[in-house]
Protein backbone atom coordinates (compact mmCIF):
# COMPACT_ATOMS: atom_id res chain seq x y z
CA MET A 1 -0.16 0.08 -0.05
CA LYS A 2 2.69 2.13 0.68
CA ASP A 3 4.18 2.06 -2.25
CA ILE A 4 1.04 2.14 -4.18
CA LEU A 5 0.36 5.44 -2.74
CA GLY A 6 4.00 6.48 -2.89
CA PHE A 7 3.56 6.34 -7.34
CA VAL A 8 0.32 8.06 -6.84
CA ILE A 9 1.54 11.23 -5.03
CA ALA A 10 4.62 11.42 -7.19
CA ARG A 11 2.01 11.21 -10.00
CA ASP A 12 -0.05 13.46 -8.73
CA ILE A 13 3.23 15.96 -8.39
CA MET A 14 4.17 15.27 -12.02
CA HIS A 15 0.38 16.17 -13.11
CA GLN A 16 0.67 19.37 -11.45
CA ARG A 17 3.63 20.07 -13.00
CA GLN A 18 2.43 19.52 -16.18
CA TRP A 19 -0.60 21.56 -15.41
CA LEU A 20 2.00 24.52 -14.04
CA ALA A 21 4.15 24.87 -17.51
CA VAL A 22 0.94 24.89 -20.18
CA ILE A 23 -0.79 27.79 -17.19
CA LYS A 24 2.70 29.35 -18.31
CA GLU A 25 2.81 28.66 -21.54
CA LEU A 26 -0.70 30.64 -22.18
CA GLY A 27 0.59 33.29 -20.47
CA GLY A 28 -0.28 32.46 -16.61
CA TYR A 29 -3.42 32.52 -14.67
CA ASN A 30 -4.75 35.94 -15.95
CA ALA A 31 -5.26 33.91 -18.71
CA LEU A 32 -6.97 30.99 -18.04
CA PRO A 33 -10.88 30.44 -17.78
CA ILE A 34 -12.63 30.68 -15.15
CA LEU A 35 -13.49 26.85 -14.82
CA ASN A 36 -17.21 27.89 -13.37
CA SER A 37 -18.37 29.74 -16.71
CA PHE A 38 -17.42 26.74 -18.31
CA PRO A 39 -21.12 25.21 -19.12
CA GLN A 40 -21.74 21.86 -17.17
CA ARG A 41 -23.93 20.30 -19.68
CA LYS A 42 -20.85 20.36 -22.19
CA GLU A 43 -19.07 18.25 -19.55
CA ASN A 44 -18.59 15.22 -19.51
CA GLN A 45 -20.65 13.83 -16.84
CA ARG A 46 -19.51 10.58 -17.13
CA PHE A 47 -16.10 11.17 -16.41
CA SER A 48 -16.67 13.82 -13.96
CA TYR A 49 -17.09 11.46 -10.63
CA ALA A 50 -15.28 8.14 -12.32
CA CYS A 51 -13.67 6.17 -9.13
CA ILE A 52 -11.70 2.69 -9.99
CA SER A 53 -12.24 -0.22 -7.58
CA PHE A 54 -10.52 -3.17 -7.00
CA THR A 55 -11.76 -5.84 -4.36
CA ILE A 56 -10.73 -9.05 -2.57
CA ASP A 57 -14.04 -10.58 -3.71
CA GLY A 58 -14.14 -9.38 -7.82
CA THR A 59 -17.40 -7.75 -7.52
CA GLY A 60 -15.92 -4.64 -8.06
CA THR A 61 -17.95 -3.44 -5.33
CA PRO A 62 -16.34 -0.69 -3.01
CA THR A 63 -15.78 -2.10 1.31
CA GLY A 64 -15.22 1.33 1.83
CA ARG A 65 -14.21 4.57 0.81
């Protein structure tokens, strides 16, 4: 579990650095659109709150958070 958590944290840091590089390339924070102004009807809601769960019994039903 510690190895998985270490990997996930490292990937999160990498993603944050990618986003910061894009923000800088686009001209800084003032050049970005405000996310709340994006029309929710255009949001691909199938992936908005997607969660992948791995269980021991193979049912795919989460046993906790």
